[in-house]
Amino acid sequence: MSHDGLSTLCLVGLRCVGKTTLGRRLAEHLSLPFVDLDDELEPDRVGPARSAGDCLRDLGEEGFRDLESAALERVLREDGPRVAATGGGIVLRAANRELLRTRARCLWLHAPAEQLVMRATSDATVRPALSTGPPLDEWRAMEEERREFYAEVSAARIDASGDPDEVLALLIAET
């Protein structure tokens, strides 16, 4: 990735696909700072040390999406190249998609819904479900709802279902 021009490389994709883990590793490889949008939620509105899951539960989805949108705008205004992990639903708002298309280079991490559900059930820090139905149905519905939006903002779709080192190599090849 050229460190000139476009300053932010954003990883997009569903929850548990590896945006944060791979984003940190990619940033380290590129010698760039890493930012996780979940960590950029306005502390004066959400309080100190509150997780994105807490914010989603306490503020509801719309309130959470407002904070997430504001964080995206702030991060994309900052100077200097960086790697950013976005929230899975960042693409749901048209204004966010416009920012991602025009102010960042996005790579879409994708893995089968079945694999993401397995990752989520083994990770206690995963956000609360957005529905009360079976988890696999929720992931499939999210994928169906967001697929075209991820494609709209992304320069490439990366298969994130394999070994993390192999996925990192695919990301590096796209930078």
N, C-alpha and C. Protein backbone atom coordinates (compact mmCIF):
# COMPACT_ATOMS: atom_id res chain seq x y z
N MET A 1 0.85 -1.18 0.00
CA MET A 1 0.00 0.00 0.00
C MET A 1 0.88 1.22 0.00
N SER A 2 0.62 2.09 -0.91
CA SER A 2 1.34 3.35 -0.92
C SER A 2 0.92 4.17 0.28
N HIS A 3 1.85 4.79 0.92
CA HIS A 3 1.52 5.62 2.06
C HIS A 3 1.18 7.03 1.62
N ASP A 4 1.09 7.25 0.30
CA ASP A 4 0.67 8.53 -0.25
C ASP A 4 -0.81 8.43 -0.60
N GLY A 5 -1.48 9.57 -0.67
CA GLY A 5 -2.86 9.59 -1.11
C GLY A 5 -3.79 9.03 -0.06
N LEU A 6 -4.52 7.96 -0.42
CA LEU A 6 -5.50 7.38 0.47
C LEU A 6 -4.86 6.98 1.78
N SER A 7 -5.41 7.46 2.88
CA SER A 7 -4.70 7.30 4.14
C SER A 7 -5.18 6.13 4.99
N THR A 8 -6.38 5.63 4.76
CA THR A 8 -6.90 4.60 5.65
C THR A 8 -7.29 3.35 4.87
N LEU A 9 -6.81 2.21 5.34
CA LEU A 9 -7.20 0.92 4.82
C LEU A 9 -8.19 0.33 5.81
N CYS A 10 -9.45 0.16 5.40
CA CYS A 10 -10.49 -0.33 6.30
C CYS A 10 -10.82 -1.78 5.99
N LEU A 11 -10.91 -2.58 7.04
CA LEU A 11 -11.38 -3.95 6.91
C LEU A 11 -12.85 -3.97 7.27
N VAL A 12 -13.67 -4.52 6.36
CA VAL A 12 -15.10 -4.63 6.59
C VAL A 12 -15.50 -6.10 6.54
N GLY A 13 -16.64 -6.42 7.13
CA GLY A 13 -17.14 -7.79 7.13
C GLY A 13 -17.97 -8.04 8.37
N LEU A 14 -18.58 -9.21 8.42
CA LEU A 14 -19.45 -9.56 9.54
C LEU A 14 -18.67 -9.71 10.85
N ARG A 15 -19.41 -9.71 11.94
CA ARG A 15 -18.82 -9.95 13.26
C ARG A 15 -18.06 -11.28 13.25
N CYS A 16 -16.97 -11.32 13.97
CA CYS A 16 -16.18 -12.53 14.19
C CYS A 16 -15.43 -13.02 12.96
N VAL A 17 -15.34 -12.20 11.92
CA VAL A 17 -14.63 -12.62 10.71
C VAL A 17 -13.12 -12.41 10.84
N GLY A 18 -12.70 -11.61 11.84
CA GLY A 18 -11.28 -11.42 12.07
C GLY A 18 -10.75 -10.04 11.75
N LYS A 19 -11.64 -9.06 11.63
CA LYS A 19 -11.20 -7.70 11.26
C LYS A 19 -10.20 -7.13 12.25
N THR A 20 -10.46 -7.26 13.53
CA THR A 20 -9.57 -6.68 14.54
C THR A 20 -8.25 -7.46 14.61
N THR A 21 -8.33 -8.76 14.71
CA THR A 21 -7.13 -9.59 14.81
C THR A 21 -6.23 -9.42 13.59
N LEU A 22 -6.82 -9.54 12.42
CA LEU A 22 -6.03 -9.42 11.18
C LEU A 22 -5.62 -7.97 10.94
N GLY A 23 -6.47 -7.03 11.33
CA GLY A 23 -6.12 -5.62 11.17
C GLY A 23 -4.88 -5.25 11.97
N ARG A 24 -4.80 -5.74 13.19
CA ARG A 24 -3.60 -5.49 14.01
C ARG A 24 -2.35 -6.06 13.35
N ARG A 25 -2.48 -7.28 12.87
CA ARG A 25 -1.33 -7.94 12.24
C ARG A 25 -0.93 -7.24 10.94
N LEU A 26 -1.93 -6.82 10.16
CA LEU A 26 -1.64 -6.12 8.91
C LEU A 26 -0.97 -4.78 9.18
N ALA A 27 -1.48 -4.06 10.16
CA ALA A 27 -0.88 -2.77 10.51
C ALA A 27 0.57 -2.95 10.95
N GLU A 28 0.82 -3.98 11.74
CA GLU A 28 2.19 -4.26 12.18
C GLU A 28 3.09 -4.56 10.98
N HIS A 29 2.59 -5.38 10.07
CA HIS A 29 3.37 -5.73 8.88
C HIS A 29 3.68 -4.49 8.04
N LEU A 30 2.72 -3.58 7.93
CA LEU A 30 2.89 -2.37 7.11
C LEU A 30 3.54 -1.23 7.88
N SER A 31 3.82 -1.45 9.16
CA SER A 31 4.38 -0.41 10.04
C SER A 31 3.47 0.82 10.08
N LEU A 32 2.18 0.55 10.24
CA LEU A 32 1.17 1.61 10.32
C LEU A 32 0.43 1.51 11.65
N PRO A 33 -0.15 2.61 12.11
CA PRO A 33 -0.99 2.52 13.30
C PRO A 33 -2.27 1.73 12.99
N PHE A 34 -2.81 1.12 14.03
CA PHE A 34 -4.07 0.38 13.92
C PHE A 34 -5.12 1.06 14.78
N VAL A 35 -6.33 1.12 14.26
CA VAL A 35 -7.45 1.65 15.04
C VAL A 35 -8.64 0.71 14.88
N ASP A 36 -9.28 0.40 16.00
CA ASP A 36 -10.50 -0.40 16.01
C ASP A 36 -11.64 0.58 16.25
N LEU A 37 -12.56 0.69 15.31
CA LEU A 37 -13.64 1.67 15.43
C LEU A 37 -14.43 1.50 16.73
N ASP A 38 -14.55 0.26 17.21
CA ASP A 38 -15.26 0.03 18.47
C ASP A 38 -14.60 0.77 19.63
N ASP A 39 -13.29 0.96 19.55
CA ASP A 39 -12.57 1.67 20.61
C ASP A 39 -12.67 3.18 20.46
N GLU A 40 -13.24 3.64 19.36
CA GLU A 40 -13.32 5.07 19.07
C GLU A 40 -14.68 5.67 19.37
N LEU A 41 -15.59 4.89 19.95
CA LEU A 41 -16.91 5.42 20.30
C LEU A 41 -16.73 6.54 21.31
N GLU A 42 -17.53 7.59 21.19
CA GLU A 42 -17.35 8.79 22.01
C GLU A 42 -17.41 8.49 23.50
N PRO A 43 -16.28 8.60 24.22
CA PRO A 43 -16.27 8.25 25.65
C PRO A 43 -17.18 9.14 26.48
N ASP A 44 -17.41 10.39 26.07
CA ASP A 44 -18.29 11.26 26.85
C ASP A 44 -19.75 10.82 26.75
N ARG A 45 -20.10 10.07 25.70
CA ARG A 45 -21.47 9.59 25.56
C ARG A 45 -21.65 8.17 26.08
N VAL A 46 -20.59 7.38 26.05
CA VAL A 46 -20.74 5.97 26.43
C VAL A 46 -20.11 5.64 27.77
N GLY A 47 -19.33 6.55 28.31
CA GLY A 47 -18.67 6.29 29.58
C GLY A 47 -17.36 5.55 29.36
N PRO A 48 -16.49 5.59 30.35
CA PRO A 48 -15.18 4.96 30.21
C PRO A 48 -15.29 3.43 30.23
N ALA A 49 -14.43 2.82 29.46
CA ALA A 49 -14.25 1.35 29.49
C ALA A 49 -15.52 0.57 29.22
N ARG A 50 -16.41 1.10 28.38
CA ARG A 50 -17.61 0.34 28.01
C ARG A 50 -17.37 -0.30 26.66
N SER A 51 -17.72 -1.54 26.56
CA SER A 51 -17.52 -2.26 25.31
C SER A 51 -18.58 -1.85 24.29
N ALA A 52 -18.29 -2.16 23.03
CA ALA A 52 -19.27 -1.90 21.98
C ALA A 52 -20.56 -2.69 22.26
N GLY A 53 -20.42 -3.90 22.79
CA GLY A 53 -21.59 -4.69 23.14
C GLY A 53 -22.45 -4.03 24.20
N ASP A 54 -21.79 -3.43 25.22
CA ASP A 54 -22.54 -2.69 26.25
C ASP A 54 -23.28 -1.52 25.62
N CYS A 55 -22.61 -0.80 24.74
CA CYS A 55 -23.23 0.36 24.08
C CYS A 55 -24.44 -0.08 23.26
N LEU A 56 -24.29 -1.15 22.52
CA LEU A 56 -25.39 -1.66 21.70
C LEU A 56 -26.58 -2.04 22.57
N ARG A 57 -26.31 -2.72 23.65
CA ARG A 57 -27.38 -3.15 24.55
C ARG A 57 -28.05 -1.95 25.22
N ASP A 58 -27.25 -0.97 25.69
CA ASP A 58 -27.79 0.15 26.45
C ASP A 58 -28.43 1.23 25.58
N LEU A 59 -27.88 1.46 24.39
CA LEU A 59 -28.36 2.55 23.53
C LEU A 59 -29.31 2.07 22.45
N GLY A 60 -29.39 0.78 22.24
CA GLY A 60 -30.18 0.26 21.13
C GLY A 60 -29.38 0.36 19.84
N GLU A 61 -29.88 -0.31 18.81
CA GLU A 61 -29.10 -0.35 17.58
C GLU A 61 -28.94 1.02 16.95
N GLU A 62 -30.00 1.84 16.90
CA GLU A 62 -29.88 3.16 16.27
C GLU A 62 -28.90 4.06 17.01
N GLY A 63 -28.98 4.08 18.34
CA GLY A 63 -28.05 4.89 19.12
C GLY A 63 -26.62 4.44 18.94
N PHE A 64 -26.43 3.13 18.91
CA PHE A 64 -25.09 2.59 18.67
C PHE A 64 -24.59 2.98 17.29
N ARG A 65 -25.45 2.85 16.28
CA ARG A 65 -25.04 3.18 14.90
C ARG A 65 -24.68 4.67 14.78
N ASP A 66 -25.37 5.53 15.55
CA ASP A 66 -25.02 6.96 15.54
C ASP A 66 -23.58 7.16 16.03
N LEU A 67 -23.23 6.50 17.13
CA LEU A 67 -21.87 6.60 17.67
C LEU A 67 -20.85 6.03 16.69
N GLU A 68 -21.19 4.91 16.10
CA GLU A 68 -20.29 4.25 15.16
C GLU A 68 -20.04 5.15 13.93
N SER A 69 -21.09 5.79 13.44
CA SER A 69 -20.95 6.69 12.28
C SER A 69 -20.06 7.88 12.61
N ALA A 70 -20.26 8.45 13.79
CA ALA A 70 -19.43 9.58 14.22
C ALA A 70 -17.96 9.16 14.35
N ALA A 71 -17.73 7.96 14.87
CA ALA A 71 -16.36 7.46 15.00
C ALA A 71 -15.72 7.26 13.63
N LEU A 72 -16.47 6.72 12.68
CA LEU A 72 -15.94 6.53 11.33
C LEU A 72 -15.55 7.87 10.72
N GLU A 73 -16.42 8.84 10.85
CA GLU A 73 -16.12 10.17 10.28
C GLU A 73 -14.86 10.76 10.89
N ARG A 74 -14.71 10.65 12.22
CA ARG A 74 -13.51 11.17 12.89
C ARG A 74 -12.25 10.46 12.41
N VAL A 75 -12.29 9.15 12.35
CA VAL A 75 -11.11 8.37 11.95
C VAL A 75 -10.71 8.70 10.51
N LEU A 76 -11.68 8.85 9.63
CA LEU A 76 -11.36 9.11 8.23
C LEU A 76 -10.95 10.55 7.98
N ARG A 77 -11.17 11.43 8.93
CA ARG A 77 -10.71 12.83 8.82
C ARG A 77 -9.25 12.97 9.24
N GLU A 78 -8.76 12.05 10.06
CA GLU A 78 -7.40 12.15 10.58
C GLU A 78 -6.38 11.99 9.46
N ASP A 79 -5.27 12.69 9.61
CA ASP A 79 -4.19 12.60 8.62
C ASP A 79 -3.31 11.39 8.90
N GLY A 80 -2.67 10.93 7.86
CA GLY A 80 -1.70 9.85 8.00
C GLY A 80 -2.30 8.50 7.72
N PRO A 81 -1.54 7.62 7.11
CA PRO A 81 -2.03 6.28 6.79
C PRO A 81 -2.22 5.45 8.05
N ARG A 82 -3.19 4.55 7.99
CA ARG A 82 -3.49 3.65 9.11
C ARG A 82 -4.32 2.48 8.60
N VAL A 83 -4.45 1.46 9.43
CA VAL A 83 -5.34 0.34 9.17
C VAL A 83 -6.46 0.43 10.21
N ALA A 84 -7.71 0.27 9.76
CA ALA A 84 -8.85 0.38 10.66
C ALA A 84 -9.76 -0.84 10.53
N ALA A 85 -10.19 -1.37 11.67
CA ALA A 85 -11.20 -2.42 11.70
C ALA A 85 -12.54 -1.75 11.98
N THR A 86 -13.51 -1.99 11.12
CA THR A 86 -14.83 -1.39 11.30
C THR A 86 -15.76 -2.37 11.99
N GLY A 87 -16.88 -1.86 12.46
CA GLY A 87 -17.93 -2.73 12.97
C GLY A 87 -18.64 -3.40 11.80
N GLY A 88 -19.20 -4.56 12.04
CA GLY A 88 -19.86 -5.31 10.97
C GLY A 88 -21.00 -4.58 10.30
N GLY A 89 -21.69 -3.71 11.05
CA GLY A 89 -22.83 -2.99 10.51
C GLY A 89 -22.53 -1.61 9.98
N ILE A 90 -21.26 -1.24 9.89
CA ILE A 90 -20.89 0.11 9.45
C ILE A 90 -21.46 0.41 8.07
N VAL A 91 -21.66 -0.59 7.24
CA VAL A 91 -22.13 -0.38 5.87
C VAL A 91 -23.64 -0.20 5.75
N LEU A 92 -24.36 -0.31 6.85
CA LEU A 92 -25.82 -0.23 6.77
C LEU A 92 -26.32 1.17 6.43
N ARG A 93 -25.57 2.19 6.75
CA ARG A 93 -25.97 3.57 6.46
C ARG A 93 -25.30 4.05 5.18
N ALA A 94 -26.11 4.66 4.31
CA ALA A 94 -25.60 5.15 3.02
C ALA A 94 -24.47 6.17 3.21
N ALA A 95 -24.59 7.03 4.21
CA ALA A 95 -23.55 8.04 4.45
C ALA A 95 -22.21 7.38 4.80
N ASN A 96 -22.26 6.30 5.56
CA ASN A 96 -21.03 5.57 5.90
C ASN A 96 -20.43 4.92 4.66
N ARG A 97 -21.28 4.35 3.81
CA ARG A 97 -20.77 3.73 2.59
C ARG A 97 -20.09 4.78 1.71
N GLU A 98 -20.67 5.96 1.63
CA GLU A 98 -20.07 7.04 0.84
C GLU A 98 -18.70 7.41 1.40
N LEU A 99 -18.60 7.54 2.72
CA LEU A 99 -17.30 7.84 3.34
C LEU A 99 -16.28 6.73 3.05
N LEU A 100 -16.70 5.50 3.19
CA LEU A 100 -15.80 4.37 2.96
C LEU A 100 -15.33 4.32 1.51
N ARG A 101 -16.24 4.60 0.58
CA ARG A 101 -15.88 4.58 -0.85
C ARG A 101 -14.91 5.70 -1.22
N THR A 102 -15.11 6.87 -0.62
CA THR A 102 -14.37 8.05 -1.07
C THR A 102 -13.16 8.39 -0.21
N ARG A 103 -13.11 7.92 1.01
CA ARG A 103 -12.03 8.33 1.92
C ARG A 103 -11.14 7.19 2.38
N ALA A 104 -11.43 5.97 1.92
CA ALA A 104 -10.67 4.80 2.39
C ALA A 104 -10.56 3.78 1.28
N ARG A 105 -9.68 2.84 1.47
CA ARG A 105 -9.63 1.64 0.62
C ARG A 105 -10.11 0.50 1.52
N CYS A 106 -11.16 -0.17 1.10
CA CYS A 106 -11.76 -1.22 1.93
C CYS A 106 -11.47 -2.60 1.36
N LEU A 107 -11.20 -3.52 2.27
CA LEU A 107 -11.07 -4.93 1.95
C LEU A 107 -12.12 -5.68 2.76
N TRP A 108 -12.89 -6.51 2.08
CA TRP A 108 -14.01 -7.23 2.68
C TRP A 108 -13.54 -8.62 3.09
N LEU A 109 -13.52 -8.86 4.39
CA LEU A 109 -13.21 -10.19 4.92
C LEU A 109 -14.49 -11.00 4.96
N HIS A 110 -14.44 -12.20 4.40
CA HIS A 110 -15.63 -13.04 4.33
C HIS A 110 -15.30 -14.46 4.79
N ALA A 111 -16.24 -15.06 5.52
CA ALA A 111 -16.14 -16.46 5.92
C ALA A 111 -17.57 -17.00 6.00
N PRO A 112 -17.75 -18.31 5.87
CA PRO A 112 -19.10 -18.88 5.95
C PRO A 112 -19.76 -18.59 7.30
N ALA A 113 -21.07 -18.39 7.24
CA ALA A 113 -21.83 -18.08 8.45
C ALA A 113 -21.64 -19.15 9.53
N GLU A 114 -21.56 -20.41 9.13
CA GLU A 114 -21.39 -21.49 10.10
C GLU A 114 -20.09 -21.31 10.89
N GLN A 115 -19.04 -20.91 10.21
CA GLN A 115 -17.76 -20.70 10.88
C GLN A 115 -17.83 -19.49 11.82
N LEU A 116 -18.52 -18.43 11.41
CA LEU A 116 -18.63 -17.24 12.25
C LEU A 116 -19.43 -17.53 13.51
N VAL A 117 -20.47 -18.34 13.40
CA VAL A 117 -21.25 -18.72 14.58
C VAL A 117 -20.37 -19.52 15.54
N MET A 118 -19.56 -20.42 15.02
CA MET A 118 -18.65 -21.19 15.90
C MET A 118 -17.67 -20.27 16.60
N ARG A 119 -17.13 -19.30 15.88
CA ARG A 119 -16.20 -18.34 16.50
C ARG A 119 -16.92 -17.54 17.58
N ALA A 120 -18.13 -17.11 17.29
CA ALA A 120 -18.88 -16.28 18.24
C ALA A 120 -19.21 -17.04 19.51
N THR A 121 -19.59 -18.28 19.38
CA THR A 121 -19.98 -19.04 20.57
C THR A 121 -18.78 -19.40 21.44
N SER A 122 -17.57 -19.30 20.88
CA SER A 122 -16.38 -19.58 21.68
C SER A 122 -15.73 -18.32 22.22
N ASP A 123 -16.33 -17.15 21.96
CA ASP A 123 -15.76 -15.86 22.38
C ASP A 123 -16.74 -15.12 23.27
N ALA A 124 -16.42 -15.02 24.55
CA ALA A 124 -17.32 -14.38 25.52
C ALA A 124 -17.45 -12.88 25.30
N THR A 125 -16.57 -12.27 24.52
CA THR A 125 -16.62 -10.81 24.33
C THR A 125 -17.49 -10.40 23.15
N VAL A 126 -18.09 -11.36 22.46
CA VAL A 126 -18.89 -11.03 21.28
C VAL A 126 -20.14 -10.28 21.70
N ARG A 127 -20.54 -9.34 20.87
CA ARG A 127 -21.72 -8.53 21.13
C ARG A 127 -22.97 -9.38 21.26
N PRO A 128 -23.98 -8.82 21.93
CA PRO A 128 -25.24 -9.56 22.05
C PRO A 128 -25.88 -9.77 20.68
N ALA A 129 -26.68 -10.82 20.58
CA ALA A 129 -27.40 -11.09 19.34
C ALA A 129 -28.36 -9.95 19.04
N LEU A 130 -28.61 -9.74 17.76
CA LEU A 130 -29.56 -8.70 17.35
C LEU A 130 -30.96 -9.26 17.21
N SER A 131 -31.10 -10.58 17.34
CA SER A 131 -32.42 -11.21 17.27
C SER A 131 -32.47 -12.31 18.32
N THR A 132 -33.66 -12.86 18.49
CA THR A 132 -33.82 -13.94 19.47
C THR A 132 -33.85 -15.31 18.80
N GLY A 133 -33.68 -15.34 17.49
CA GLY A 133 -33.71 -16.59 16.76
C GLY A 133 -32.41 -17.35 16.85
N PRO A 134 -32.35 -18.48 16.15
CA PRO A 134 -31.11 -19.28 16.13
C PRO A 134 -29.94 -18.45 15.58
N PRO A 135 -28.76 -18.58 16.19
CA PRO A 135 -27.61 -17.77 15.76
C PRO A 135 -27.26 -17.92 14.28
N LEU A 136 -27.33 -19.14 13.75
CA LEU A 136 -26.98 -19.33 12.34
C LEU A 136 -27.94 -18.56 11.44
N ASP A 137 -29.21 -18.55 11.80
CA ASP A 137 -30.19 -17.78 11.02
C ASP A 137 -29.87 -16.29 11.07
N GLU A 138 -29.45 -15.80 12.26
CA GLU A 138 -29.09 -14.38 12.40
C GLU A 138 -27.90 -14.04 11.50
N TRP A 139 -26.87 -14.88 11.52
CA TRP A 139 -25.68 -14.59 10.71
C TRP A 139 -26.02 -14.62 9.23
N ARG A 140 -26.83 -15.59 8.82
CA ARG A 140 -27.21 -15.67 7.40
C ARG A 140 -28.03 -14.44 6.99
N ALA A 141 -28.92 -14.00 7.88
CA ALA A 141 -29.72 -12.80 7.57
C ALA A 141 -28.83 -11.56 7.48
N MET A 142 -27.86 -11.44 8.40
CA MET A 142 -26.93 -10.29 8.34
C MET A 142 -26.14 -10.33 7.03
N GLU A 143 -25.67 -11.51 6.66
CA GLU A 143 -24.90 -11.63 5.43
C GLU A 143 -25.74 -11.24 4.22
N GLU A 144 -26.96 -11.71 4.18
CA GLU A 144 -27.86 -11.38 3.06
C GLU A 144 -28.11 -9.88 3.00
N GLU A 145 -28.36 -9.27 4.15
CA GLU A 145 -28.66 -7.84 4.22
C GLU A 145 -27.45 -6.99 3.82
N ARG A 146 -26.25 -7.42 4.17
CA ARG A 146 -25.06 -6.57 4.03
C ARG A 146 -24.17 -6.90 2.83
N ARG A 147 -24.36 -8.06 2.24
CA ARG A 147 -23.46 -8.52 1.16
C ARG A 147 -23.26 -7.45 0.09
N GLU A 148 -24.34 -6.90 -0.45
CA GLU A 148 -24.20 -5.92 -1.53
C GLU A 148 -23.51 -4.65 -1.04
N PHE A 149 -23.69 -4.30 0.22
CA PHE A 149 -23.04 -3.10 0.76
C PHE A 149 -21.54 -3.30 0.92
N TYR A 150 -21.15 -4.48 1.41
CA TYR A 150 -19.71 -4.78 1.51
C TYR A 150 -19.08 -4.73 0.11
N ALA A 151 -19.75 -5.33 -0.86
CA ALA A 151 -19.22 -5.33 -2.23
C ALA A 151 -19.12 -3.92 -2.78
N GLU A 152 -20.10 -3.08 -2.47
CA GLU A 152 -20.13 -1.70 -2.97
C GLU A 152 -18.92 -0.89 -2.52
N VAL A 153 -18.48 -1.10 -1.29
CA VAL A 153 -17.39 -0.26 -0.75
C VAL A 153 -16.01 -0.88 -0.91
N SER A 154 -15.94 -2.15 -1.28
CA SER A 154 -14.67 -2.87 -1.20
C SER A 154 -13.93 -3.00 -2.52
N ALA A 155 -12.62 -2.89 -2.43
CA ALA A 155 -11.75 -3.11 -3.58
C ALA A 155 -11.56 -4.59 -3.84
N ALA A 156 -11.69 -5.42 -2.80
CA ALA A 156 -11.50 -6.87 -2.95
C ALA A 156 -12.23 -7.60 -1.83
N ARG A 157 -12.62 -8.83 -2.13
CA ARG A 157 -13.20 -9.73 -1.13
C ARG A 157 -12.14 -10.78 -0.80
N ILE A 158 -11.85 -10.91 0.48
CA ILE A 158 -10.80 -11.82 0.96
C ILE A 158 -11.45 -12.98 1.72
N ASP A 159 -11.11 -14.20 1.34
CA ASP A 159 -11.60 -15.38 2.05
C ASP A 159 -10.87 -15.47 3.39
N ALA A 160 -11.61 -15.26 4.47
CA ALA A 160 -11.02 -15.26 5.81
C ALA A 160 -11.35 -16.54 6.57
N SER A 161 -11.69 -17.60 5.85
CA SER A 161 -12.07 -18.84 6.52
C SER A 161 -10.88 -19.74 6.84
N GLY A 162 -9.73 -19.43 6.29
CA GLY A 162 -8.57 -20.30 6.47
C GLY A 162 -7.66 -19.90 7.60
N ASP A 163 -6.46 -20.41 7.53
CA ASP A 163 -5.43 -20.12 8.51
C ASP A 163 -5.15 -18.62 8.55
N PRO A 164 -5.07 -18.02 9.74
CA PRO A 164 -4.84 -16.57 9.84
C PRO A 164 -3.59 -16.09 9.10
N ASP A 165 -2.52 -16.88 9.09
CA ASP A 165 -1.31 -16.47 8.36
C ASP A 165 -1.58 -16.40 6.86
N GLU A 166 -2.37 -17.34 6.36
CA GLU A 166 -2.71 -17.34 4.93
C GLU A 166 -3.62 -16.16 4.60
N VAL A 167 -4.56 -15.86 5.48
CA VAL A 167 -5.46 -14.72 5.26
C VAL A 167 -4.65 -13.43 5.29
N LEU A 168 -3.72 -13.32 6.22
CA LEU A 168 -2.86 -12.14 6.28
C LEU A 168 -2.09 -11.98 4.97
N ALA A 169 -1.58 -13.07 4.42
CA ALA A 169 -0.85 -13.00 3.15
C ALA A 169 -1.76 -12.49 2.03
N LEU A 170 -3.03 -12.91 2.03
CA LEU A 170 -3.98 -12.41 1.03
C LEU A 170 -4.21 -10.91 1.20
N LEU A 171 -4.32 -10.47 2.45
CA LEU A 171 -4.51 -9.03 2.71
C LEU A 171 -3.29 -8.24 2.24
N ILE A 172 -2.12 -8.74 2.56
CA ILE A 172 -0.88 -8.05 2.16
C ILE A 172 -0.81 -7.93 0.64
N ALA A 173 -1.23 -8.98 -0.05
CA ALA A 173 -1.19 -8.95 -1.52
C ALA A 173 -2.13 -7.89 -2.09
N GLU A 174 -3.15 -7.50 -1.34
CA GLU A 174 -4.11 -6.50 -1.81
C GLU A 174 -3.73 -5.08 -1.42
N THR A 175 -2.64 -4.91 -0.67
CA THR A 175 -2.29 -3.55 -0.24
C THR A 175 -1.27 -2.91 -1.16
